[in-house]
N, C-alpha and C. Protein backbone atom coordinates (compact mmCIF):
# COMPACT_ATOMS: atom_id res chain seq x y z
N MET A 1 76.92 28.09 33.24
CA MET A 1 76.04 27.87 32.10
C MET A 1 76.10 29.11 31.21
N PRO A 2 76.23 28.92 29.93
CA PRO A 2 76.28 30.06 29.02
C PRO A 2 74.92 30.77 28.94
N ALA A 3 74.96 32.00 28.49
CA ALA A 3 73.72 32.76 28.30
C ALA A 3 72.84 32.06 27.26
N LEU A 4 71.54 32.23 27.42
CA LEU A 4 70.60 31.57 26.51
C LEU A 4 70.77 32.02 25.06
N ASN A 5 71.27 33.23 24.85
CA ASN A 5 71.45 33.72 23.48
C ASN A 5 72.86 33.45 22.94
N ASP A 6 73.66 32.68 23.67
CA ASP A 6 75.02 32.33 23.23
C ASP A 6 74.91 31.22 22.19
N ARG A 7 75.32 31.49 20.96
CA ARG A 7 75.20 30.48 19.89
C ARG A 7 76.15 29.31 20.08
N ARG A 8 77.13 29.45 20.98
CA ARG A 8 78.05 28.33 21.24
C ARG A 8 77.42 27.32 22.18
N ARG A 9 76.29 27.63 22.73
CA ARG A 9 75.62 26.78 23.71
C ARG A 9 75.21 25.45 23.06
N VAL A 10 75.49 24.38 23.77
CA VAL A 10 75.13 23.04 23.30
C VAL A 10 74.49 22.29 24.46
N ILE A 11 73.39 21.64 24.20
CA ILE A 11 72.73 20.83 25.22
C ILE A 11 72.87 19.37 24.79
N LEU A 12 73.45 18.59 25.68
CA LEU A 12 73.68 17.18 25.39
C LEU A 12 72.72 16.32 26.20
N SER A 13 72.36 15.19 25.66
CA SER A 13 71.58 14.21 26.40
C SER A 13 72.16 12.84 26.11
N GLN A 14 71.96 11.94 27.05
CA GLN A 14 72.53 10.61 26.92
C GLN A 14 71.50 9.64 26.37
N THR A 15 71.94 8.73 25.53
CA THR A 15 71.08 7.67 25.01
C THR A 15 70.98 6.58 26.07
N ASP A 16 70.05 5.65 25.85
CA ASP A 16 69.93 4.50 26.76
C ASP A 16 71.24 3.71 26.78
N ALA A 17 71.85 3.53 25.59
CA ALA A 17 73.13 2.80 25.52
C ALA A 17 74.21 3.55 26.27
N GLY A 18 74.20 4.87 26.18
CA GLY A 18 75.18 5.67 26.91
C GLY A 18 75.01 5.54 28.41
N ARG A 19 73.77 5.51 28.88
CA ARG A 19 73.51 5.34 30.32
C ARG A 19 73.99 3.97 30.79
N GLU A 20 73.79 2.94 29.96
CA GLU A 20 74.26 1.60 30.31
C GLU A 20 75.79 1.58 30.39
N LYS A 21 76.44 2.20 29.44
CA LYS A 21 77.91 2.24 29.45
C LYS A 21 78.41 3.02 30.65
N GLU A 22 77.73 4.11 31.00
CA GLU A 22 78.12 4.89 32.16
C GLU A 22 78.04 4.05 33.43
N ALA A 23 76.97 3.28 33.58
CA ALA A 23 76.82 2.42 34.75
C ALA A 23 77.95 1.38 34.80
N HIS A 24 78.28 0.81 33.66
CA HIS A 24 79.36 -0.18 33.60
C HIS A 24 80.70 0.46 33.96
N ILE A 25 80.96 1.63 33.41
CA ILE A 25 82.22 2.33 33.70
C ILE A 25 82.31 2.67 35.18
N GLN A 26 81.20 3.12 35.78
CA GLN A 26 81.22 3.43 37.21
C GLN A 26 81.53 2.19 38.03
N HIS A 27 80.99 1.04 37.63
CA HIS A 27 81.27 -0.21 38.34
C HIS A 27 82.76 -0.57 38.22
N VAL A 28 83.31 -0.47 37.02
CA VAL A 28 84.72 -0.77 36.80
C VAL A 28 85.59 0.18 37.62
N GLU A 29 85.25 1.46 37.62
CA GLU A 29 86.01 2.45 38.36
C GLU A 29 85.98 2.17 39.87
N THR A 30 84.82 1.82 40.39
CA THR A 30 84.70 1.48 41.81
C THR A 30 85.53 0.25 42.15
N THR A 31 85.49 -0.76 41.29
CA THR A 31 86.28 -1.98 41.50
C THR A 31 87.77 -1.65 41.49
N LEU A 32 88.20 -0.85 40.54
CA LEU A 32 89.61 -0.48 40.44
C LEU A 32 90.06 0.29 41.68
N HIS A 33 89.27 1.25 42.11
CA HIS A 33 89.63 2.02 43.30
C HIS A 33 89.73 1.12 44.52
N GLY A 34 88.81 0.17 44.65
CA GLY A 34 88.86 -0.77 45.76
C GLY A 34 90.12 -1.62 45.72
N PHE A 35 90.49 -2.09 44.53
CA PHE A 35 91.71 -2.88 44.37
C PHE A 35 92.94 -2.08 44.78
N ILE A 36 93.00 -0.84 44.33
CA ILE A 36 94.15 0.02 44.67
C ILE A 36 94.22 0.22 46.18
N GLU A 37 93.09 0.53 46.80
CA GLU A 37 93.07 0.79 48.24
C GLU A 37 93.44 -0.46 49.04
N GLN A 38 93.08 -1.64 48.56
CA GLN A 38 93.42 -2.88 49.25
C GLN A 38 94.88 -3.26 49.02
N SER A 39 95.43 -2.85 47.91
CA SER A 39 96.78 -3.26 47.53
C SER A 39 97.88 -2.35 48.08
N LEU A 40 97.54 -1.10 48.34
CA LEU A 40 98.55 -0.13 48.76
C LEU A 40 98.15 0.54 50.06
N ALA A 41 99.14 0.85 50.87
CA ALA A 41 98.89 1.63 52.08
C ALA A 41 98.65 3.08 51.68
N ALA A 42 98.02 3.85 52.56
CA ALA A 42 97.72 5.26 52.27
C ALA A 42 98.99 6.03 51.90
N ALA A 43 100.09 5.75 52.59
CA ALA A 43 101.35 6.45 52.29
C ALA A 43 101.85 6.09 50.89
N ASP A 44 101.65 4.84 50.48
CA ASP A 44 102.05 4.43 49.13
C ASP A 44 101.22 5.18 48.08
N ILE A 45 99.93 5.29 48.33
CA ILE A 45 99.04 5.99 47.39
C ILE A 45 99.46 7.45 47.28
N GLU A 46 99.78 8.08 48.40
CA GLU A 46 100.21 9.48 48.37
C GLU A 46 101.51 9.62 47.58
N GLY A 47 102.42 8.66 47.73
CA GLY A 47 103.67 8.68 46.98
C GLY A 47 103.45 8.58 45.49
N VAL A 48 102.53 7.70 45.09
CA VAL A 48 102.21 7.55 43.67
C VAL A 48 101.58 8.83 43.14
N LYS A 49 100.64 9.40 43.91
CA LYS A 49 99.99 10.65 43.48
C LYS A 49 101.01 11.77 43.31
N THR A 50 101.96 11.86 44.24
CA THR A 50 103.00 12.89 44.14
C THR A 50 103.84 12.68 42.89
N ALA A 51 104.23 11.44 42.64
CA ALA A 51 105.04 11.15 41.45
C ALA A 51 104.28 11.48 40.17
N LEU A 52 103.01 11.11 40.11
CA LEU A 52 102.22 11.39 38.91
C LEU A 52 102.02 12.89 38.71
N ARG A 53 101.81 13.61 39.80
CA ARG A 53 101.66 15.07 39.69
C ARG A 53 102.95 15.71 39.17
N LYS A 54 104.10 15.21 39.62
CA LYS A 54 105.38 15.73 39.11
C LYS A 54 105.48 15.50 37.60
N PHE A 55 105.01 14.36 37.16
CA PHE A 55 105.08 13.99 35.74
C PHE A 55 104.21 14.91 34.87
N ILE A 56 103.01 15.29 35.39
CA ILE A 56 102.08 16.08 34.58
C ILE A 56 102.12 17.58 34.88
N SER A 57 102.88 17.97 35.88
CA SER A 57 102.93 19.37 36.29
C SER A 57 103.32 20.28 35.13
N GLY A 58 102.55 21.33 34.94
CA GLY A 58 102.85 22.30 33.89
C GLY A 58 102.42 21.88 32.49
N ARG A 59 101.96 20.66 32.35
CA ARG A 59 101.48 20.17 31.06
C ARG A 59 99.95 20.34 31.01
N PRO A 60 99.37 20.27 29.83
CA PRO A 60 97.91 20.46 29.74
C PRO A 60 97.12 19.54 30.68
N ALA A 61 97.53 18.29 30.81
CA ALA A 61 96.81 17.37 31.69
C ALA A 61 96.91 17.83 33.14
N GLY A 62 98.08 18.26 33.55
CA GLY A 62 98.28 18.73 34.93
C GLY A 62 97.50 19.99 35.21
N ILE A 63 97.46 20.88 34.24
CA ILE A 63 96.70 22.11 34.40
C ILE A 63 95.21 21.80 34.52
N ALA A 64 94.73 20.85 33.72
CA ALA A 64 93.32 20.44 33.79
C ALA A 64 93.01 19.81 35.14
N VAL A 65 93.90 18.97 35.65
CA VAL A 65 93.68 18.34 36.96
C VAL A 65 93.63 19.41 38.04
N ASP A 66 94.55 20.37 37.99
CA ASP A 66 94.55 21.44 38.98
C ASP A 66 93.27 22.26 38.92
N ARG A 67 92.77 22.51 37.71
CA ARG A 67 91.54 23.28 37.56
C ARG A 67 90.36 22.57 38.20
N ARG A 68 90.36 21.25 38.16
CA ARG A 68 89.24 20.47 38.69
C ARG A 68 89.37 20.18 40.18
N SER A 69 90.52 20.49 40.74
CA SER A 69 90.80 20.18 42.14
C SER A 69 90.38 21.34 43.04
N ASP A 70 89.83 21.00 44.20
CA ASP A 70 89.45 22.02 45.17
C ASP A 70 90.67 22.65 45.84
N VAL A 71 91.75 21.86 45.93
CA VAL A 71 92.94 22.32 46.63
C VAL A 71 94.09 22.42 45.63
N PRO A 72 94.69 23.59 45.48
CA PRO A 72 95.85 23.68 44.57
C PRO A 72 96.98 22.82 45.08
N HIS A 73 97.68 22.18 44.17
CA HIS A 73 98.79 21.29 44.55
C HIS A 73 100.11 21.90 44.14
N GLU A 74 101.03 21.90 45.09
CA GLU A 74 102.38 22.32 44.77
C GLU A 74 103.26 21.09 44.76
N ILE A 75 104.08 20.99 43.76
CA ILE A 75 104.98 19.84 43.63
C ILE A 75 106.27 20.18 44.36
N PRO A 76 106.65 19.31 45.31
CA PRO A 76 107.91 19.58 46.05
C PRO A 76 109.14 19.46 45.15
């Protein structure tokens, strides 16, 4: 959290419509994850993740994913 005297500080709040959309998006995301897990074996999912990481490695999206990950990923 930035210092209280930091003029770049911004406090955001969600509207009722935003909260409704968030709930809908979470439902869609849960459904999608369930579909993926039912459709692919764990080894298949790991293969896809490895391929996608190779695709984004070193690019802004890959750097952002690595920053948000608890475990650094090395691409073989």
